[in-house]
């Protein structure tokens, strides 16, 4: 329920007299402050934010140029790149919209709240019957008891209902004032400011934080430049349901800081989805997993004698672990892997053109008669690679890919501010929804051997409940003996 015109006028007058209404933020003209706090500006900013967020949602962010050219074509990609649509949330103009939204929210709060607060804190104890009669809830009651006794009883009645009660006597008249739920008036304003706090936290996080993705192989150690420490992937594994479906995937990570305790491990934790490792403000989330594109765990090699085309051996090799086969005079070692084989004729380098296992090839180091060759053998095309100086033919019949763990790496210095803003929203909504500011006035006048009571009250919200409570209070007042 909105404040009455009289209360709004009193609030405005109080604000002007105290200097709040003349506040001009370091000398800014009043119309500038009015513009910064206007509802039109707030609506415009929310519309702009919705449009920009939609663009950031529809157009995938942070992808490579090839991705956008393939999806949208080169001309459209050039426009996206010029306008910044491929990285919306890190653009200056997006942050400017967020900054203006913060200024709008705080300016609005600063202009409106102090006067309302002063109005709430005004405890006008002494009032006339005319004032009480103008209230929405009011009544006149006659009681055949002395005024002081009636006032004491009323203080007890109001106090039992949770009201804070004050009383004063002027000549023969007694005035009683009771109030409760004053914090209910600030709930909406707390929720209002919380939006600015959340946006501020997000803005701080986007400017000073970062978000990245990395893959790690078990047993490998990686340098984290943003935190200046080492991260070791001790172990990665998957748990399965009885039907074979994946239940969860997990990584055991260790942190070693070269600047702390001579580089000894500072922290070890097994992470799962939604249960990250946190060190020095950097969060490591279990994000994904997959088959690595340039490393395998094992490879099964079939060895045939060229002259007879007979299989003479079938061995399982571990990654980069040489195996000697004395009977054949061979030493074999798996030294390379490409999930999707690609060869650069200029640099003579082999690589994997994608992370998918579309055309897997294994590099096998073969030592025979003190001569070593390192051919690439294709899993899907056995027999196409011939080694002229060898009396054997080699085929890769199977391989076990190395599983990598996909880690989302993030640092967000504004996250504490964001959570504070979320808490403020909850508190503000709770105050606004469940606590209502209620005030009661009673004017007690002596009349013969009894007294006449003028009782009235109001509330800023929850009028139906207040009407019920006011009726209950009247019944108890009428029963004063």
Protein backbone atom coordinates (compact mmCIF):
# COMPACT_ATOMS: atom_id res chain seq x y z
CA UNK A 1 0.00 0.00 0.00
CA UNK A 2 1.36 3.40 -0.98
CA UNK A 3 1.95 6.18 1.53
CA UNK A 4 -0.90 8.65 1.93
CA UNK A 5 -0.60 12.11 0.27
CA UNK A 6 -0.11 13.66 3.69
CA UNK A 7 2.74 11.27 4.50
CA UNK A 8 4.34 11.81 1.10
CA UNK A 9 4.15 15.56 1.56
CA UNK A 10 5.62 15.28 5.05
CA UNK A 11 8.38 13.00 3.70
CA UNK A 12 9.19 15.47 0.90
CA UNK A 13 9.19 18.44 3.25
CA UNK A 14 11.41 16.59 5.73
CA UNK A 15 13.85 15.67 2.96
CA UNK A 16 14.03 19.23 1.64
CA UNK A 17 14.60 20.68 5.10
CA UNK A 18 17.37 18.21 5.82
CA UNK A 19 19.18 18.92 2.56
CA UNK A 20 18.60 15.54 0.89
CA UNK A 21 16.44 17.07 -1.83
CA UNK A 22 19.17 19.57 -2.69
CA UNK A 23 21.88 16.89 -3.12
CA UNK A 24 23.53 17.30 -6.52
CA UNK A 25 26.40 14.74 -6.53
CA UNK A 26 29.49 16.93 -6.60
CA UNK A 27 27.65 19.92 -8.00
CA UNK A 28 25.66 18.17 -10.73
CA UNK A 29 22.54 20.10 -11.79
CA UNK A 30 19.31 18.83 -10.30
CA UNK A 31 17.85 17.87 -13.69
CA UNK A 32 20.87 15.62 -14.35
CA UNK A 33 20.29 13.83 -11.06
CA UNK A 34 16.58 13.53 -11.92
CA UNK A 35 17.50 11.99 -15.28
CA UNK A 36 19.92 9.52 -13.71
CA UNK A 37 17.25 8.38 -11.25
CA UNK A 38 14.32 8.35 -13.71
CA UNK A 39 12.14 5.33 -14.37
CA UNK A 40 12.43 5.92 -18.13
CA UNK A 41 16.20 5.50 -17.96
CA UNK A 42 15.82 2.31 -15.92
CA UNK A 43 13.35 0.83 -18.43
CA UNK A 44 15.59 1.81 -21.35
CA UNK A 45 18.63 0.20 -19.71
CA UNK A 46 16.73 -3.02 -18.97
CA UNK A 47 15.53 -3.19 -22.59
CA UNK A 48 19.09 -2.61 -23.85
CA UNK A 49 20.42 -5.24 -21.45
CA UNK A 50 17.79 -7.74 -22.62
CA UNK A 51 18.63 -7.13 -26.29
CA UNK A 52 22.39 -7.45 -25.74
CA UNK A 53 21.96 -10.58 -23.60
CA UNK A 54 19.79 -12.11 -26.33
CA UNK A 55 22.50 -11.42 -28.90
CA UNK A 56 25.08 -12.99 -26.56
CA UNK A 57 22.85 -16.04 -26.16
CA UNK A 58 21.91 -16.56 -29.82
CA UNK A 59 25.44 -15.99 -31.14
CA UNK A 60 27.92 -18.34 -29.48
CA UNK A 61 30.62 -16.39 -27.70
CA UNK A 62 34.40 -16.75 -27.83
CA UNK A 63 34.58 -19.21 -30.75
CA UNK A 64 37.26 -19.23 -33.45
CA UNK A 65 36.98 -17.27 -36.70
CA UNK A 66 36.56 -20.51 -38.66
CA UNK A 67 33.52 -21.41 -36.57
CA UNK A 68 31.72 -18.11 -37.29
CA UNK A 69 32.61 -18.16 -40.99
CA UNK A 70 31.26 -21.69 -41.29
CA UNK A 71 28.06 -20.85 -39.38
CA UNK A 72 27.24 -17.38 -40.73
CA UNK A 73 29.48 -16.74 -43.72
CA UNK A 74 32.44 -14.38 -43.94
CA UNK A 75 30.56 -11.08 -44.62
CA UNK A 76 28.28 -11.54 -41.61
CA UNK A 77 31.21 -12.63 -39.47
CA UNK A 78 33.03 -9.39 -40.31
CA UNK A 79 30.00 -7.41 -39.11
CA UNK A 80 29.82 -9.47 -35.92
CA UNK A 81 33.52 -8.88 -35.30
CA UNK A 82 33.21 -5.13 -35.93
CA UNK A 83 30.21 -4.76 -33.63
CA UNK A 84 31.69 -7.01 -30.96
CA UNK A 85 28.86 -9.56 -31.10
CA UNK A 86 31.30 -12.49 -30.77
CA UNK A 87 32.33 -11.32 -27.28
CA UNK A 88 29.36 -9.29 -26.08
CA UNK A 89 29.90 -9.54 -22.34
CA UNK A 90 33.42 -8.11 -22.45
CA UNK A 91 32.59 -5.10 -24.62
CA UNK A 92 32.95 -1.57 -23.25
CA UNK A 93 29.40 -0.67 -24.26
CA UNK A 94 27.95 -3.68 -22.43
CA UNK A 95 29.80 -2.71 -19.28
CA UNK A 96 28.66 0.88 -19.78
CA UNK A 97 25.02 -0.27 -19.73
CA UNK A 98 25.68 -2.18 -16.49
CA UNK A 99 27.44 0.85 -15.00
CA UNK A 100 24.54 3.17 -15.87
CA UNK A 101 22.13 0.67 -14.34
CA UNK A 102 24.10 0.80 -11.08
CA UNK A 103 24.13 4.61 -11.13
CA UNK A 104 20.39 4.71 -11.87
CA UNK A 105 19.55 2.33 -9.04
CA UNK A 106 21.74 4.03 -6.43
CA UNK A 107 20.65 7.55 -7.43
CA UNK A 108 17.02 6.51 -7.22
CA UNK A 109 17.62 5.00 -3.79
CA UNK A 110 19.53 8.04 -2.56
CA UNK A 111 16.82 10.45 -3.65
CA UNK A 112 13.83 8.57 -2.29
CA UNK A 113 14.88 6.54 0.70
CA UNK A 114 16.16 9.13 3.24
CA UNK A 115 12.88 11.06 3.27
CA UNK A 116 10.89 7.85 3.61
CA UNK A 117 13.14 6.73 6.45
CA UNK A 118 12.65 9.99 8.32
CA UNK A 119 8.91 9.71 7.79
CA UNK A 120 8.95 6.20 9.24
CA UNK A 121 10.98 7.29 12.24
CA UNK A 122 8.67 10.14 13.17
CA UNK A 123 6.82 9.12 16.31
CA UNK A 124 4.08 11.71 16.65
CA UNK A 125 2.67 10.68 20.01
CA UNK A 126 0.29 13.53 20.73
CA UNK A 127 -2.57 13.70 18.23
CA UNK A 128 -6.06 15.11 18.23
CA UNK A 129 -9.33 13.21 17.86
CA UNK A 130 -9.69 14.91 14.48
CA UNK A 131 -6.40 13.36 13.29
CA UNK A 132 -7.49 9.92 14.48
CA UNK A 133 -10.90 10.29 12.86
CA UNK A 134 -9.26 10.88 9.49
CA UNK A 135 -7.48 7.50 9.64
CA UNK A 136 -8.91 4.57 7.70
CA UNK A 137 -9.23 2.47 10.85
CA UNK A 138 -10.69 4.41 13.78
CA UNK A 139 -13.20 4.03 16.58
CA UNK A 140 -14.59 5.88 19.62
CA UNK A 141 -14.99 3.92 22.85
CA UNK A 142 -16.30 4.91 26.27
CA UNK A 143 -14.94 3.11 29.35
CA UNK A 144 -15.96 3.67 32.94
CA UNK A 145 -12.46 3.71 34.38
CA UNK A 146 -9.89 6.37 35.20
CA UNK A 147 -7.65 7.47 32.30
CA UNK A 148 -4.33 6.44 33.85
CA UNK A 149 -5.60 2.92 34.51
CA UNK A 150 -6.92 2.66 30.94
CA UNK A 151 -3.58 3.86 29.51
CA UNK A 152 -1.65 1.24 31.50
CA UNK A 153 -3.95 -1.51 30.28
CA UNK A 154 -3.66 -0.34 26.68
CA UNK A 155 0.14 -0.34 26.91
CA UNK A 156 -0.06 -3.98 28.04
CA UNK A 157 -2.49 -4.86 25.23
CA UNK A 158 -0.38 -3.26 22.51
CA UNK A 159 2.83 -4.68 23.96
CA UNK A 160 1.39 -8.21 23.88
CA UNK A 161 0.90 -7.78 20.14
CA UNK A 162 4.53 -6.84 19.60
CA UNK A 163 4.10 -3.08 19.44
CA UNK A 164 6.64 -0.62 20.79
CA UNK A 165 4.55 1.76 22.91
CA UNK A 166 5.02 5.36 24.05
CA UNK A 167 2.65 7.50 26.13
CA UNK A 168 2.46 11.09 27.27
CA UNK A 169 0.06 13.19 29.37
CA UNK A 170 -0.99 16.75 28.57
CA UNK A 171 -3.23 18.24 31.22
CA UNK A 172 -6.02 15.68 31.69
CA UNK A 173 -5.58 14.01 28.31
CA UNK A 174 -3.30 11.02 27.67
CA UNK A 175 -1.91 10.07 24.26
CA UNK A 176 -0.65 6.57 23.47
CA UNK A 177 1.34 5.75 20.35
CA UNK A 178 2.29 2.20 19.27
CA UNK A 179 4.32 1.03 16.29
CA UNK A 180 5.79 -2.20 14.94
CA UNK A 181 7.16 -3.66 11.74
CA UNK A 182 9.10 -0.56 10.76
CA UNK A 183 11.61 -2.72 8.84
CA UNK A 184 8.84 -3.76 6.46
CA UNK A 185 9.04 -0.31 4.91
CA UNK A 186 12.69 -0.76 3.94
CA UNK A 187 12.29 -4.23 2.37
CA UNK A 188 11.47 -2.98 -1.13
CA UNK A 189 14.38 -0.54 -1.01
CA UNK A 190 16.80 -3.25 0.13
CA UNK A 191 15.70 -5.42 -2.80
CA UNK A 192 16.05 -2.40 -5.08
CA UNK A 193 19.65 -1.76 -4.02
CA UNK A 194 20.45 -5.47 -4.24
CA UNK A 195 20.03 -5.34 -8.01
CA UNK A 196 22.76 -2.70 -8.16
CA UNK A 197 24.97 -4.80 -5.85
CA UNK A 198 24.57 -7.89 -8.05
CA UNK A 199 25.32 -5.94 -11.23
CA UNK A 200 28.33 -4.33 -9.54
CA UNK A 201 29.67 -7.74 -8.54
CA UNK A 202 29.19 -9.04 -12.07
CA UNK A 203 30.90 -5.98 -13.50
CA UNK A 204 33.89 -6.37 -11.17
CA UNK A 205 34.12 -10.06 -12.07
CA UNK A 206 34.03 -9.39 -15.82
CA UNK A 207 36.70 -6.68 -15.62
CA UNK A 208 39.13 -8.24 -13.14
CA UNK A 209 38.31 -11.94 -13.44
CA UNK A 210 38.66 -14.50 -16.22
CA UNK A 211 37.12 -17.73 -17.48
CA UNK A 212 39.04 -20.37 -19.42
CA UNK A 213 38.92 -24.03 -20.38
CA UNK A 214 41.74 -26.54 -20.33
CA UNK A 215 42.27 -30.26 -20.67
CA UNK A 216 44.55 -32.33 -18.50
CA UNK A 217 46.01 -35.81 -18.72
CA UNK A 218 46.51 -37.99 -15.63
CA UNK A 219 50.07 -37.72 -14.35
CA UNK A 220 50.72 -34.41 -16.06
CA UNK A 221 51.52 -31.11 -14.33
CA UNK A 222 50.40 -27.76 -15.76
CA UNK A 223 51.48 -24.22 -14.95
CA UNK A 224 48.59 -21.89 -14.13
CA UNK A 225 49.91 -18.42 -15.04
CA UNK A 226 46.92 -16.53 -13.61
CA UNK A 227 47.68 -17.89 -10.15
CA UNK A 228 51.39 -18.65 -10.55
CA UNK A 229 51.17 -22.22 -9.28
CA UNK A 230 51.29 -25.77 -10.65
CA UNK A 231 48.27 -28.01 -11.06
CA UNK A 232 48.78 -31.77 -11.29
CA UNK A 233 46.13 -34.17 -12.54
CA UNK A 234 46.81 -37.12 -10.25
CA UNK A 235 43.95 -39.27 -11.49
CA UNK A 236 40.87 -39.27 -13.70
CA UNK A 237 38.15 -41.91 -13.71
CA UNK A 238 34.50 -42.52 -14.42
CA UNK A 239 31.89 -44.31 -12.36
CA UNK A 240 29.17 -46.33 -14.11
CA UNK A 241 25.68 -47.55 -13.34
CA UNK A 242 24.91 -51.26 -13.56
CA UNK A 243 23.47 -50.81 -17.06
CA UNK A 244 26.76 -49.30 -18.28
CA UNK A 245 25.65 -45.66 -18.36
CA UNK A 246 28.09 -43.10 -16.95
CA UNK A 247 27.23 -42.17 -13.39
CA UNK A 248 29.89 -39.52 -12.77
CA UNK A 249 33.35 -38.45 -13.85
CA UNK A 250 35.97 -37.37 -11.37
CA UNK A 251 39.45 -35.87 -11.19
CA UNK A 252 41.93 -35.83 -8.34
CA UNK A 253 43.91 -32.58 -8.55
CA UNK A 254 46.90 -31.34 -6.57
CA UNK A 255 48.23 -27.80 -6.24
CA UNK A 256 51.89 -27.02 -5.65
CA UNK A 257 53.00 -23.42 -5.18
CA UNK A 258 56.70 -22.76 -5.89
CA UNK A 259 56.58 -19.77 -3.56
CA UNK A 260 55.20 -21.75 -0.61
CA UNK A 261 56.99 -24.48 1.36
CA UNK A 262 59.59 -25.14 -1.36
CA UNK A 263 56.97 -26.08 -3.89
CA UNK A 264 55.44 -28.94 -1.90
CA UNK A 265 51.82 -29.89 -2.51
CA UNK A 266 49.54 -27.40 -0.80
CA UNK A 267 46.18 -28.95 -1.57
CA UNK A 268 44.78 -32.18 -3.00
CA UNK A 269 41.10 -32.69 -3.78
CA UNK A 270 38.91 -34.98 -5.84
CA UNK A 271 36.49 -32.84 -7.81
CA UNK A 272 33.21 -33.79 -9.40
CA UNK A 273 30.56 -31.79 -11.22
CA UNK A 274 29.48 -28.87 -8.99
CA UNK A 275 32.20 -29.62 -6.43
CA UNK A 276 35.27 -27.63 -7.56
CA UNK A 277 38.75 -27.14 -6.20
CA UNK A 278 39.52 -23.59 -5.11
CA UNK A 279 43.00 -22.17 -4.58
CA UNK A 280 44.03 -18.51 -4.33
CA UNK A 281 40.64 -17.42 -5.64
CA UNK A 282 40.85 -19.62 -8.77
CA UNK A 283 38.13 -22.25 -9.21
CA UNK A 284 38.64 -25.53 -11.09
CA UNK A 285 35.36 -27.15 -12.12
CA UNK A 286 34.91 -30.66 -13.49
CA UNK A 287 33.45 -29.72 -16.85
CA UNK A 288 33.87 -32.55 -19.35
CA UNK A 289 36.00 -35.46 -20.47
CA UNK A 290 36.99 -37.13 -23.72
CA UNK A 291 39.54 -39.10 -25.72
CA UNK A 292 42.82 -37.25 -26.19
CA UNK A 293 43.83 -36.39 -29.74
CA UNK A 294 47.61 -36.75 -29.55
CA UNK A 295 48.23 -39.44 -26.94
CA UNK A 296 47.08 -42.99 -26.23
CA UNK A 297 47.56 -45.43 -23.37
CA UNK A 298 48.13 -48.60 -25.35
CA UNK A 299 48.39 -49.89 -28.91
CA UNK A 300 48.03 -53.48 -30.16
CA UNK A 301 50.48 -54.29 -32.93
CA UNK A 302 50.17 -57.24 -35.30
CA UNK A 303 53.48 -58.38 -36.84
CA UNK A 304 53.53 -60.40 -40.06
CA UNK A 305 56.38 -61.96 -41.96
CA UNK A 306 56.39 -60.46 -45.46
CA UNK A 307 57.64 -63.56 -47.23
CA UNK A 308 54.90 -65.84 -45.95
CA UNK A 309 52.27 -63.32 -44.86
CA UNK A 310 52.07 -65.26 -41.60
CA UNK A 311 51.41 -63.63 -38.24
CA UNK A 312 54.54 -64.08 -36.16
CA UNK A 313 53.64 -61.96 -33.13
CA UNK A 314 50.83 -59.93 -31.57
CA UNK A 315 51.95 -57.50 -28.86
CA UNK A 316 50.38 -54.80 -26.67
CA UNK A 317 52.57 -51.71 -26.27
CA UNK A 318 52.31 -49.03 -23.61
CA UNK A 319 52.72 -45.38 -24.53
CA UNK A 320 56.41 -44.49 -24.93
CA UNK A 321 57.57 -47.70 -23.18
CA UNK A 322 59.96 -49.65 -25.47
CA UNK A 323 59.35 -53.37 -25.79
CA UNK A 324 61.99 -55.80 -26.97
CA UNK A 325 60.96 -58.87 -28.96
CA UNK A 326 64.13 -61.05 -28.89
CA UNK A 327 62.76 -63.81 -31.09
CA UNK A 328 62.27 -61.36 -33.94
CA UNK A 329 65.18 -59.05 -33.21
CA UNK A 330 62.86 -56.09 -32.83
CA UNK A 331 62.39 -53.21 -30.38
CA UNK A 332 59.03 -51.43 -30.70
CA UNK A 333 57.89 -48.18 -29.11
CA UNK A 334 54.74 -46.10 -29.57
CA UNK A 335 56.02 -42.53 -29.89
CA UNK A 336 53.18 -40.56 -31.48
CA UNK A 337 49.47 -40.43 -32.15
CA UNK A 338 47.13 -38.30 -34.25
CA UNK A 339 43.38 -38.73 -33.84
CA UNK A 340 42.60 -37.08 -37.19
CA UNK A 341 45.82 -37.36 -39.19
CA UNK A 342 47.07 -34.29 -41.02
CA UNK A 343 50.45 -33.63 -42.66
CA UNK A 344 51.95 -30.23 -43.44
CA UNK A 345 54.11 -30.61 -46.54
CA UNK A 346 55.98 -27.36 -45.86
CA UNK A 347 56.99 -27.98 -42.25
CA UNK A 348 56.94 -31.79 -42.57
CA UNK A 349 54.94 -31.89 -39.33
CA UNK A 350 52.17 -34.32 -38.43
CA UNK A 351 49.23 -33.08 -36.37
CA UNK A 352 45.60 -33.80 -35.64
CA UNK A 353 43.38 -31.46 -37.59
CA UNK A 354 40.45 -32.06 -35.21
CA UNK A 355 39.99 -33.57 -31.78
CA UNK A 356 37.72 -36.27 -33.22
CA UNK A 357 39.09 -39.75 -33.87
CA UNK A 358 38.16 -39.67 -37.56
CA UNK A 359 41.45 -40.92 -39.06
CA UNK A 360 43.62 -42.27 -36.21
CA UNK A 361 47.28 -42.93 -36.87
CA UNK A 362 49.99 -44.29 -34.56
CA UNK A 363 53.69 -43.50 -34.91
CA UNK A 364 55.70 -46.63 -34.22
CA UNK A 365 59.45 -46.52 -33.60
CA UNK A 366 60.85 -49.80 -35.01
CA UNK A 367 64.42 -50.84 -34.29
CA UNK A 368 65.62 -53.73 -36.44
CA UNK A 369 69.25 -54.71 -36.96
CA UNK A 370 70.39 -51.53 -35.19
CA UNK A 371 68.40 -49.38 -37.58
CA UNK A 372 65.42 -47.35 -36.38
CA UNK A 373 62.53 -46.08 -38.49
CA UNK A 374 59.43 -44.18 -37.28
CA UNK A 375 56.55 -44.77 -39.71
CA UNK A 376 52.97 -43.63 -39.17
CA UNK A 377 50.56 -46.59 -39.31
CA UNK A 378 46.87 -45.93 -40.01
CA UNK A 379 44.37 -47.83 -37.89
CA UNK A 380 41.62 -47.77 -40.53
CA UNK A 381 43.94 -48.54 -43.45
CA UNK A 382 46.18 -51.45 -42.43
CA UNK A 383 48.87 -52.61 -44.80
CA UNK A 384 49.22 -49.42 -46.84
CA UNK A 385 52.53 -48.49 -45.19
CA UNK A 386 55.45 -50.67 -46.23
CA UNK A 387 58.88 -50.56 -44.60
CA UNK A 388 61.30 -51.49 -47.40
CA UNK A 389 64.29 -52.52 -45.30
CA UNK A 390 62.27 -54.69 -42.90
CA UNK A 391 61.26 -58.28 -43.36
CA UNK A 392 58.13 -57.65 -41.34
CA UNK A 393 54.84 -55.86 -41.92
CA UNK A 394 53.19 -54.03 -39.03
CA UNK A 395 49.53 -53.26 -38.42
CA UNK A 396 47.74 -51.38 -35.60
CA UNK A 397 44.74 -53.55 -34.81
CA UNK A 398 43.50 -51.65 -31.75
CA UNK A 399 44.42 -48.87 -29.37
CA UNK A 400 43.31 -47.56 -26.03
CA UNK A 401 42.88 -43.75 -26.12
CA UNK A 402 44.03 -41.62 -23.21
CA UNK A 403 41.14 -40.01 -21.39
CA UNK A 404 41.49 -36.32 -20.63
CA UNK A 405 39.64 -34.32 -18.02
CA UNK A 406 38.08 -31.06 -19.15
CA UNK A 407 38.44 -28.32 -16.54
CA UNK A 408 36.60 -25.02 -16.43
CA UNK A 409 39.00 -22.52 -14.86
CA UNK A 410 37.61 -19.29 -13.50
CA UNK A 411 38.40 -16.42 -11.20
CA UNK A 412 35.65 -14.02 -10.19
CA UNK A 413 36.61 -11.45 -7.55
CA UNK A 414 33.07 -10.10 -7.66
CA UNK A 415 31.37 -13.36 -6.68
CA UNK A 416 31.21 -12.42 -2.98
CA UNK A 417 29.51 -9.16 -3.92
CA UNK A 418 27.06 -11.03 -6.16
CA UNK A 419 26.15 -13.44 -3.35
CA UNK A 420 25.76 -10.48 -0.99
CA UNK A 421 23.33 -8.95 -3.46
CA UNK A 422 21.41 -12.24 -3.71
CA UNK A 423 21.16 -12.37 0.07
CA UNK A 424 19.93 -8.78 0.08
CA UNK A 425 17.18 -9.72 -2.38
CA UNK A 426 16.02 -12.56 -0.16
CA UNK A 427 16.11 -10.35 2.95
CA UNK A 428 14.39 -7.47 1.16
CA UNK A 429 11.62 -9.69 -0.22
CA UNK A 430 11.14 -11.33 3.17
CA UNK A 431 10.89 -7.96 4.92
CA UNK A 432 8.52 -6.63 2.29
CA UNK A 433 6.33 -9.75 2.17
CA UNK A 434 6.03 -10.69 5.82
CA UNK A 435 6.59 -7.54 7.88
CA UNK A 436 4.18 -4.59 7.64
CA UNK A 437 4.67 -1.23 9.29
CA UNK A 438 1.68 -0.55 11.56
CA UNK A 439 0.96 2.44 13.77
CA UNK A 440 -1.73 3.01 16.38
CA UNK A 441 -2.77 6.22 18.13
CA UNK A 442 -5.06 6.58 21.11
CA UNK A 443 -6.36 9.83 22.58
CA UNK A 444 -7.70 9.28 26.11
CA UNK A 445 -9.96 12.03 27.48
CA UNK A 446 -11.49 12.13 30.95
CA UNK A 447 -15.28 12.43 30.98
CA UNK A 448 -16.98 12.40 34.36
CA UNK A 449 -15.98 9.26 36.22
CA UNK A 450 -14.90 7.49 33.01
CA UNK A 451 -12.92 8.11 29.87
CA UNK A 452 -13.52 8.46 26.14
CA UNK A 453 -11.02 6.80 23.83
CA UNK A 454 -10.36 7.81 20.23
CA UNK A 455 -8.47 4.87 18.69
CA UNK A 456 -7.06 4.76 15.16
CA UNK A 457 -4.29 3.25 13.09
CA UNK A 458 -2.85 2.62 9.66
CA UNK A 459 -0.51 0.29 7.81
CA UNK A 460 1.48 0.63 4.60
CA UNK A 461 0.59 -2.92 3.44
CA UNK A 462 -1.56 -5.87 4.48
CA UNK A 463 -4.73 -3.88 5.01
CA UNK A 464 -6.99 -6.92 5.45
CA UNK A 465 -4.82 -8.43 8.21
CA UNK A 466 -4.55 -5.04 9.92
CA UNK A 467 -8.33 -4.60 9.85
CA UNK A 468 -8.68 -7.97 11.57
CA UNK A 469 -6.02 -7.11 14.15
CA UNK A 470 -7.55 -3.70 14.78
CA UNK A 471 -10.93 -5.32 15.47
CA UNK A 472 -9.34 -7.74 17.95
CA UNK A 473 -7.61 -4.86 19.72
CA UNK A 474 -10.90 -2.95 19.99
CA UNK A 475 -12.55 -5.98 21.60
CA UNK A 476 -9.77 -6.23 24.17
CA UNK A 477 -9.89 -2.48 24.85
CA UNK A 478 -13.64 -2.63 25.38
CA UNK A 479 -13.10 -5.40 27.90
CA UNK A 480 -10.78 -3.29 30.08
CA UNK A 481 -11.97 -3.54 33.67
